Amino acid sequence: MKILAFAGSTSSTSINRELVKFVLKDFQDEEINLIDLNDFTMPVFSVDLEKKGFPDEAHNFLKEIEECDVIICSLAEHNRSYSSAFKNVFDWSSRINVKVFQNKPMLLMSTSPGGYGGGNVMNTARTFFPQFAADIKDTFSLPKFYENFDLESGVINPDMLKELKDKIDNFKKEVKIND
């Protein structure tokens, strides 16, 4: 099983990337492709630029999705929405293929320093992504990242850790990943 994983952020200190890396420890027997949105930097989408052609990076992002079996991602929340970096990759990619996520099963996550855990971007994505062929199997939101996560240990809140582990187990069963 080939897993495509990414954080919806370009920050070198992305807490969403840390959450993704922690979750990937439960998939060590699988082929993991952890990509960095910095490798998909493009001009800000506009119809004027689109008329000149599509950036290779948009095609490359879609190819990464095409070549995977499942997607694990954690979206950063900027001002209650997607980060501009993720939105730009998504905008360019969706103009090439409106089915950006190509019906791949997805474990969708978010985290933030605040008490809502990126809930705004999570709720938007949960509603919006299926319109772009995302097969969202489960979601997880981690509030108060700096209180509930340790860079060495991962999720340290026992209740949240149990919830996450249960969701990972259910995700594995749904997409038929064996332990």
Protein backbone atom coordinates (compact mmCIF):
# COMPACT_ATOMS: atom_id res chain seq x y z
CA MET A 1 0.00 0.00 0.00
CA LYS A 2 1.47 3.36 -1.04
CA ILE A 3 0.64 6.27 1.25
CA LEU A 4 0.88 9.88 0.15
CA ALA A 5 1.24 12.13 3.20
CA PHE A 6 1.55 15.87 3.53
CA ALA A 7 0.82 18.88 5.70
CA GLY A 8 -1.10 21.78 4.24
CA SER A 9 1.68 24.16 5.18
CA THR A 10 5.07 25.33 3.95
CA SER A 11 6.37 26.26 7.40
CA SER A 12 9.68 24.69 8.38
CA THR A 13 8.21 24.31 11.89
CA SER A 14 4.77 23.07 10.79
CA ILE A 15 2.84 21.50 13.64
CA ASN A 16 0.63 19.79 11.06
CA ARG A 17 3.69 18.14 9.56
CA GLU A 18 4.61 16.90 13.05
CA LEU A 19 1.13 15.40 13.44
CA VAL A 20 1.42 13.67 10.05
CA LYS A 21 4.86 12.26 10.93
CA PHE A 22 3.50 10.95 14.23
CA VAL A 23 0.58 9.21 12.51
CA LEU A 24 2.87 7.69 9.89
CA LYS A 25 4.59 5.69 12.64
CA ASP A 26 1.47 3.49 12.61
CA PHE A 27 2.07 2.72 8.92
CA GLN A 28 5.74 1.69 9.03
CA ASP A 29 5.16 -1.45 6.97
CA GLU A 30 3.73 0.55 4.09
CA GLU A 31 5.43 2.54 1.35
CA ILE A 32 5.31 6.14 2.56
CA ASN A 33 5.76 9.22 0.42
CA LEU A 34 5.86 12.27 2.72
CA ILE A 35 5.88 15.29 0.44
CA ASP A 36 6.59 18.92 1.27
CA LEU A 37 4.40 21.64 -0.24
CA ASN A 38 7.57 23.71 -0.69
CA ASP A 39 8.33 21.39 -3.59
CA PHE A 40 5.14 22.57 -5.31
CA THR A 41 5.65 26.34 -5.18
CA MET A 42 3.93 28.08 -8.08
CA PRO A 43 2.82 31.57 -9.03
CA VAL A 44 -0.44 32.61 -7.40
CA PHE A 45 -3.22 31.14 -9.54
CA SER A 46 -5.01 33.47 -11.96
CA VAL A 47 -6.94 32.87 -15.14
CA ASP A 48 -4.46 35.11 -16.96
CA LEU A 49 -1.56 32.86 -15.94
CA GLU A 50 -3.64 29.77 -16.69
CA LYS A 51 -3.94 30.92 -20.31
CA LYS A 52 -0.14 30.66 -20.54
CA GLY A 53 -0.18 27.04 -19.34
CA PHE A 54 0.00 25.05 -16.16
CA PRO A 55 3.07 24.86 -13.93
CA ASP A 56 4.88 21.53 -13.84
CA GLU A 57 4.44 21.53 -10.06
CA ALA A 58 0.65 21.24 -10.42
CA HIS A 59 1.07 18.25 -12.73
CA ASN A 60 3.59 16.76 -10.30
CA PHE A 61 1.20 17.12 -7.35
CA LEU A 62 -1.53 15.34 -9.28
CA LYS A 63 0.94 12.62 -10.27
CA GLU A 64 1.79 12.05 -6.59
CA ILE A 65 -1.91 11.54 -5.89
CA GLU A 66 -2.34 9.30 -8.94
CA GLU A 67 0.51 7.05 -7.80
CA CYS A 68 -0.71 6.55 -4.24
CA ASP A 69 -3.33 4.24 -2.75
CA VAL A 70 -4.32 6.42 0.22
CA ILE A 71 -3.80 9.99 1.41
CA ILE A 72 -3.00 11.14 4.93
CA CYS A 73 -2.93 14.89 5.38
CA SER A 74 -3.17 17.50 8.09
CA LEU A 75 -4.32 20.95 7.10
CA ALA A 76 -2.95 24.11 8.60
CA GLU A 77 -5.52 26.75 9.42
CA HIS A 78 -4.75 30.34 8.52
CA ASN A 79 -7.44 32.86 9.40
CA ARG A 80 -10.05 30.07 9.60
CA SER A 81 -9.25 28.64 6.17
CA TYR A 82 -6.60 26.79 4.17
CA SER A 83 -3.07 28.12 4.12
CA SER A 84 -2.43 30.16 0.98
CA ALA A 85 0.27 27.67 -0.04
CA PHE A 86 -2.11 24.71 0.03
CA LYS A 87 -4.93 26.67 -1.59
CA ASN A 88 -2.66 27.67 -4.45
CA VAL A 89 -1.53 24.09 -5.09
CA PHE A 90 -5.15 23.00 -4.91
CA ASP A 91 -6.36 25.79 -7.23
CA TRP A 92 -3.81 25.02 -9.95
CA SER A 93 -4.33 21.26 -9.65
CA SER A 94 -8.12 21.50 -9.78
CA ARG A 95 -7.94 23.39 -13.07
CA ILE A 96 -6.06 20.45 -14.60
CA ASN A 97 -8.22 17.76 -13.00
CA VAL A 98 -11.34 18.71 -11.06
CA LYS A 99 -11.09 15.30 -9.35
CA VAL A 100 -7.91 16.41 -7.59
CA PHE A 101 -8.01 13.64 -4.99
CA GLN A 102 -8.88 10.97 -7.59
CA ASN A 103 -11.23 9.02 -5.29
CA LYS A 104 -8.36 8.04 -2.99
CA PRO A 105 -9.26 7.13 0.59
CA MET A 106 -8.18 9.91 2.92
CA LEU A 107 -7.44 10.35 6.60
CA LEU A 108 -7.95 14.08 7.05
CA MET A 109 -6.51 15.87 10.07
CA SER A 110 -5.80 19.31 11.44
CA THR A 111 -4.16 20.84 14.47
CA SER A 112 -3.56 24.33 15.80
CA PRO A 113 -2.27 26.04 18.92
CA GLY A 114 -5.84 27.09 19.77
CA GLY A 115 -8.66 25.21 21.39
CA TYR A 116 -10.53 24.49 18.16
CA GLY A 117 -7.67 22.48 16.64
CA GLY A 118 -8.07 23.79 13.11
CA GLY A 119 -11.76 22.93 13.24
CA ASN A 120 -12.73 25.62 10.77
CA VAL A 121 -10.47 24.36 8.00
CA MET A 122 -11.42 20.78 8.91
CA ASN A 123 -15.13 21.49 8.56
CA THR A 124 -14.58 23.27 5.26
CA ALA A 125 -12.44 20.45 3.88
CA ARG A 126 -14.81 17.75 5.10
CA THR A 127 -17.60 19.39 3.09
CA PHE A 128 -15.54 20.64 0.17
CA PHE A 129 -13.00 17.89 -0.60
CA PRO A 130 -15.55 15.22 -1.62
CA GLN A 131 -16.63 17.57 -4.43
CA PHE A 132 -13.08 17.11 -5.70
CA ALA A 133 -13.14 13.31 -5.43
CA ALA A 134 -11.76 12.88 -1.90
CA ASP A 135 -12.99 9.72 -0.20
CA ILE A 136 -12.68 10.93 3.39
CA LYS A 137 -12.76 7.87 5.61
CA ASP A 138 -12.16 9.66 8.90
CA THR A 139 -11.06 12.94 10.43
CA PHE A 140 -9.09 13.96 13.48
CA SER A 141 -8.53 17.39 14.98
CA LEU A 142 -5.96 18.02 17.71
CA PRO A 143 -6.60 21.21 19.71
CA LYS A 144 -3.98 23.06 21.73
CA PHE A 145 -1.06 21.44 19.95
CA TYR A 146 1.59 22.73 22.35
CA GLU A 147 -0.27 21.34 25.36
CA ASN A 148 -1.26 18.01 23.79
CA PHE A 149 1.77 17.09 21.67
CA ASP A 150 5.42 16.49 22.43
CA LEU A 151 7.91 16.40 19.56
CA GLU A 152 9.52 13.22 20.90
CA SER A 153 6.45 11.39 22.24
CA GLY A 154 3.70 12.64 19.93
CA VAL A 155 0.16 13.05 21.26
CA ILE A 156 0.48 13.09 25.04
CA ASN A 157 -3.14 13.65 26.03
CA PRO A 158 -4.36 10.08 26.76
CA ASP A 159 -7.94 10.67 25.62
CA MET A 160 -6.89 12.31 22.37
CA LEU A 161 -4.26 9.63 21.78
CA LYS A 162 -6.89 6.91 22.19
CA GLU A 163 -9.24 8.72 19.82
CA LEU A 164 -6.49 9.08 17.23
CA LYS A 165 -5.35 5.45 17.54
CA ASP A 166 -8.97 4.27 17.18
CA LYS A 167 -9.37 6.37 14.04
CA ILE A 168 -6.11 5.04 12.61
CA ASP A 169 -7.21 1.45 13.29
CA ASN A 170 -10.59 2.07 11.68
CA PHE A 171 -8.92 3.74 8.70
CA LYS A 172 -6.62 0.75 8.25
CA LYS A 173 -9.59 -1.63 8.33
CA GLU A 174 -11.55 0.42 5.81
CA VAL A 175 -8.68 0.64 3.34
CA LYS A 176 -7.54 -2.91 4.11
CA ILE A 177 -4.12 -2.15 5.54
CA ASN A 178 -3.02 -5.02 7.76
CA ASP A 179 -1.01 -4.53 10.93
